[in-house]
Protein backbone atom coordinates (compact mmCIF):
# COMPACT_ATOMS: atom_id res chain seq x y z
CA MET A 1 -0.19 -0.29 0.06
CA ASN A 2 2.95 2.35 0.88
CA GLN A 3 5.41 1.35 -1.60
CA TYR A 4 4.13 3.87 -4.19
CA ASN A 5 2.98 7.09 -3.71
CA ASP A 6 -0.35 8.40 -5.85
CA THR A 7 1.36 9.88 -8.70
CA GLU A 8 4.00 7.05 -9.26
CA LEU A 9 0.81 4.76 -8.95
CA ILE A 10 -1.35 6.84 -11.51
CA ASN A 11 1.50 6.48 -13.86
CA LYS A 12 2.23 2.90 -13.40
CA ILE A 13 -1.64 1.98 -14.29
CA LEU A 14 -1.72 4.56 -17.05
CA GLU A 15 1.38 2.32 -18.37
CA GLY A 16 -0.98 -0.78 -17.95
CA GLU A 17 -0.27 -1.95 -14.39
CA LEU A 18 -4.25 -1.85 -13.85
CA ALA A 19 -4.21 -4.32 -10.78
CA LEU A 20 -2.33 -1.15 -9.05
CA TYR A 21 -5.68 0.51 -9.11
CA GLU A 22 -7.04 -1.43 -6.24
CA ILE A 23 -4.35 0.51 -3.93
CA LEU A 24 -5.96 3.89 -4.99
CA ILE A 25 -9.61 2.47 -4.19
CA ARG A 26 -8.13 1.57 -0.66
CA ARG A 27 -6.76 4.71 -0.09
CA ASN A 28 -9.58 6.84 -1.04
CA ASN A 29 -12.79 4.18 0.20
CA PRO A 30 -12.90 6.20 3.56
CA PHE A 31 -12.90 9.49 2.63
CA LEU A 32 -15.26 9.17 -0.20
CA TYR A 33 -17.67 7.15 2.18
CA LYS A 34 -17.75 10.27 4.46
CA ILE A 35 -18.90 12.57 1.51
CA GLY A 36 -21.71 10.58 0.52
CA ARG A 37 -22.88 10.19 4.09
CA SER A 38 -22.73 14.04 4.32
CA TYR A 39 -24.57 14.45 1.57
CA ASN A 40 -27.46 12.14 3.63
CA TYR A 41 -27.10 9.35 1.00
CA ASN A 42 -27.67 6.03 2.99
CA HIS A 43 -25.36 3.24 3.08
CA GLU A 44 -26.24 1.49 -0.32
CA ASP A 45 -26.70 4.86 -2.52
CA THR A 46 -22.83 6.06 -1.11
CA GLN A 47 -21.62 2.57 -2.08
CA ASP A 48 -23.43 3.18 -5.57
CA LEU A 49 -21.84 6.73 -5.81
CA MET A 50 -18.31 5.48 -4.70
CA GLN A 51 -18.01 3.18 -7.23
CA ASP A 52 -19.49 5.54 -10.18
CA THR A 53 -16.59 7.72 -8.76
CA PHE A 54 -13.90 5.27 -8.91
CA ILE A 55 -14.76 4.29 -12.31
CA ASP A 56 -15.07 8.06 -13.60
CA THR A 57 -11.76 8.56 -12.15
CA TYR A 58 -9.82 5.54 -13.64
CA LEU A 59 -11.55 6.78 -16.78
CA ASN A 60 -10.21 9.87 -16.82
CA LEU A 61 -6.95 9.24 -14.94
CA SER A 62 -4.74 10.50 -17.95
CA LYS A 63 -6.35 13.92 -17.32
CA PHE A 64 -4.94 13.95 -13.79
CA GLU A 65 -2.46 16.91 -14.36
CA ASN A 66 -1.03 17.06 -10.63
CA ARG A 67 -2.03 20.65 -10.13
CA SER A 68 -3.32 19.58 -6.58
CA SER A 69 -3.49 16.20 -4.76
CA PHE A 70 -4.79 12.95 -5.96
CA LYS A 71 -7.01 12.98 -3.27
CA THR A 72 -8.95 16.32 -3.62
CA TRP A 73 -9.19 15.33 -7.17
CA ILE A 74 -11.02 12.21 -6.45
CA ILE A 75 -13.09 14.04 -3.60
CA LYS A 76 -13.91 16.70 -6.15
CA ILE A 77 -15.40 13.76 -8.64
CA MET A 78 -17.22 12.17 -5.98
CA ILE A 79 -18.78 15.45 -4.80
CA ASN A 80 -19.85 16.37 -8.26
CA ASN A 81 -21.34 12.72 -8.86
CA CYS A 82 -23.29 13.40 -5.27
CA TYR A 83 -24.40 16.78 -6.41
CA LYS A 84 -25.75 15.48 -9.81
CA LYS A 85 -27.84 12.64 -8.13
CA LEU A 86 -29.25 15.56 -5.56
CA HIS A 87 -30.48 17.47 -8.23
CA LYS A 88 -31.25 14.70 -10.96
CA LEU A 89 -33.64 12.90 -8.54
CA GLY A 90 -34.60 15.52 -6.62
CA TYR A 91 -33.45 13.22 -3.49
CA LYS A 92 -34.94 13.83 -0.35
CA ASN A 93 -33.07 14.08 2.80
CA GLU A 94 -32.64 10.64 4.42
CA ILE A 95 -34.39 9.83 7.87
CA ILE A 96 -32.14 9.33 10.70
CA THR A 97 -34.25 6.07 11.22
CA GLU A 98 -33.41 4.67 7.77
CA ILE A 99 -29.76 4.67 8.40
CA ASN A 100 -28.05 1.20 8.06
CA GLU A 101 -26.89 -0.05 11.59
CA LYS A 102 -24.05 -1.98 9.41
CA ALA A 103 -22.76 1.38 7.69
CA ILE A 104 -19.39 2.53 9.21
CA PRO A 105 -20.35 5.17 11.80
CA MET A 106 -18.54 8.84 11.68
CA PHE A 107 -17.02 8.36 14.81
CA SER A 108 -16.58 4.87 16.12
CA ASP A 109 -14.22 2.74 18.70
CA ASN A 110 -14.55 -0.98 18.31
CA SER A 111 -12.20 -1.57 20.95
CA HIS A 112 -14.57 -1.43 24.04
CA THR A 113 -16.72 -4.31 25.39
CA ASP A 114 -18.48 -2.67 28.11
CA THR A 115 -22.17 -2.90 27.46
CA ASN A 116 -22.56 0.69 28.59
CA LYS A 117 -20.06 2.14 26.97
CA VAL A 118 -20.98 0.68 23.56
CA ILE A 119 -24.51 1.96 23.93
CA MET A 120 -23.30 5.44 24.74
CA ALA A 121 -20.94 5.59 21.84
CA LYS A 122 -23.65 4.58 19.40
CA GLU A 123 -25.77 6.98 20.74
CA LEU A 124 -23.42 9.63 20.24
CA ASN A 125 -23.07 8.42 16.96
CA PHE A 126 -26.78 9.21 16.51
CA VAL A 127 -26.41 12.25 18.12
CA ILE A 128 -23.92 13.73 15.87
CA GLU A 129 -25.29 12.30 12.60
CA ASN A 130 -28.94 13.70 13.26
CA ALA A 131 -27.22 16.95 14.21
CA LEU A 132 -25.32 16.99 10.97
CA ILE A 133 -28.38 16.40 8.97
CA GLN A 134 -30.13 19.65 10.25
CA ILE A 135 -27.79 22.18 8.98
CA PRO A 136 -27.53 23.27 5.25
CA LEU A 137 -25.61 21.45 3.33
CA ASP A 138 -22.90 23.94 1.94
CA TYR A 139 -21.96 24.17 5.66
CA ARG A 140 -22.20 20.42 6.22
CA ILE A 141 -20.28 19.33 3.38
CA VAL A 142 -17.09 21.74 4.61
CA PHE A 143 -17.49 20.51 8.14
CA SER A 144 -16.90 16.85 6.88
CA LEU A 145 -14.15 17.42 4.28
CA ARG A 146 -12.37 19.49 7.12
CA GLU A 147 -13.20 17.82 10.33
CA ILE A 148 -14.12 14.47 9.32
CA THR A 149 -12.60 13.52 5.88
CA GLY A 150 -9.42 15.74 7.20
CA LEU A 151 -8.54 17.79 4.54
CA ASN A 152 -7.01 20.91 5.18
CA VAL A 153 -8.02 24.43 4.04
CA GLU A 154 -6.27 24.84 0.83
CA GLU A 155 -7.89 20.90 -0.24
CA THR A 156 -11.14 21.76 0.86
CA ALA A 157 -11.24 24.99 -0.86
CA GLN A 158 -10.20 23.05 -4.54
CA SER A 159 -12.79 20.43 -3.90
CA LEU A 160 -15.59 22.57 -3.33
CA ASN A 161 -14.16 25.58 -5.82
CA ILE A 162 -14.83 28.33 -3.34
CA SER A 163 -11.85 30.63 -1.63
CA GLU A 164 -10.17 29.39 1.44
CA SER A 165 -11.49 32.25 3.43
CA ASN A 166 -15.16 30.98 2.44
CA VAL A 167 -13.91 27.54 3.79
CA LYS A 168 -12.99 29.07 7.12
CA VAL A 169 -16.30 30.85 7.58
CA ARG A 170 -18.47 27.79 6.66
CA LEU A 171 -16.56 26.09 9.13
CA ASN A 172 -16.96 28.21 12.21
CA ARG A 173 -20.56 28.70 11.15
CA ALA A 174 -21.30 24.87 10.77
CA LYS A 175 -19.69 24.49 14.30
CA ALA A 176 -21.74 26.98 15.69
CA MET A 177 -25.01 25.33 14.09
CA LEU A 178 -24.16 21.82 15.01
CA ARG A 179 -23.50 22.88 18.86
CA LYS A 180 -27.05 24.49 18.68
CA GLN A 181 -28.28 21.38 17.60
CA ILE A 182 -26.89 19.31 19.68
CA GLU A 183 -27.51 21.38 22.66
CA LYS A 184 -31.03 21.02 22.22
CA SER A 185 -31.35 17.56 23.09
CA TYR A 186 -28.28 17.00 25.59
CA THR A 187 -26.31 18.97 28.42
CA ALA A 188 -23.35 19.79 28.65
CA THR A 189 -22.85 17.15 31.40
CA ASP A 190 -24.56 14.43 28.93
CA LEU A 191 -21.52 15.09 26.39
CA TYR A 192 -18.93 15.20 28.95
CA GLU A 193 -20.02 11.54 29.44
CA PHE A 194 -19.93 10.80 25.83
CA ASN A 195 -16.01 12.12 25.47
CA LEU A 196 -14.80 9.76 28.21
CA ILE A 197 -15.28 6.84 25.98
CA TYR A 198 -12.98 8.36 23.38
CA CYS A 199 -10.32 9.67 26.32
CA ASP A 200 -10.36 5.79 27.38
CA ALA A 201 -9.36 4.82 23.59
CA MET A 202 -6.57 7.41 23.37
CA VAL A 203 -5.27 6.50 26.71
CA LEU A 204 -5.06 2.87 25.40
CA ASN A 205 -3.25 3.90 22.52
CA VAL A 206 -0.55 6.25 24.09
CA MET A 207 0.46 3.55 26.58
CA ASN A 208 0.50 0.93 24.17
CA LYS A 209 3.11 2.88 22.14
CA ILE A 210 5.09 4.06 25.02
CA LYS A 211 5.41 0.36 25.98
CA LYS A 212 6.93 -0.28 22.60
CA LEU A 213 9.48 2.87 23.11
């Protein structure tokens, strides 16, 4: 997976080593999935959009000019496919109860077996996804790209064809909207309890790495 960078992989694929395209798919699967979910598509529709995006990307691979990162380029293709589906079909926002339980949650920690912590973790996923659905798409997608997918300001701006200052403004507004939505149903104490779940995971990971030093 890490033997070649994206540019090297693309060159080798274009030279006929098609099997290497699998690596690009695996590298970008998580990013594209999170984008599809941020557009409120369900698990199955998101997978279909991802498949279309990977095919579109392969067919246009020779057009990639390295002006931005490959990740930014393929994300733009995914966003464009989400946008087209949204407007072509008059797609309605997904109702929260329709979310596939087998879908990968926005934030997850599979290391806990304690029943109470598992329940609280699932509820936190529900709270965040439900709150995100309530805020406008323009703000939601910026939040998703920056805070969930992990793009920097420049990459986010390139993906959405907006200015970097616009990215910063929308992100701040998205956070404020998200906070208000969450506070409608949960107190600060509730949210503090939720955060403790993830604190445990952080401690475990850090301590394991320290032991290996």
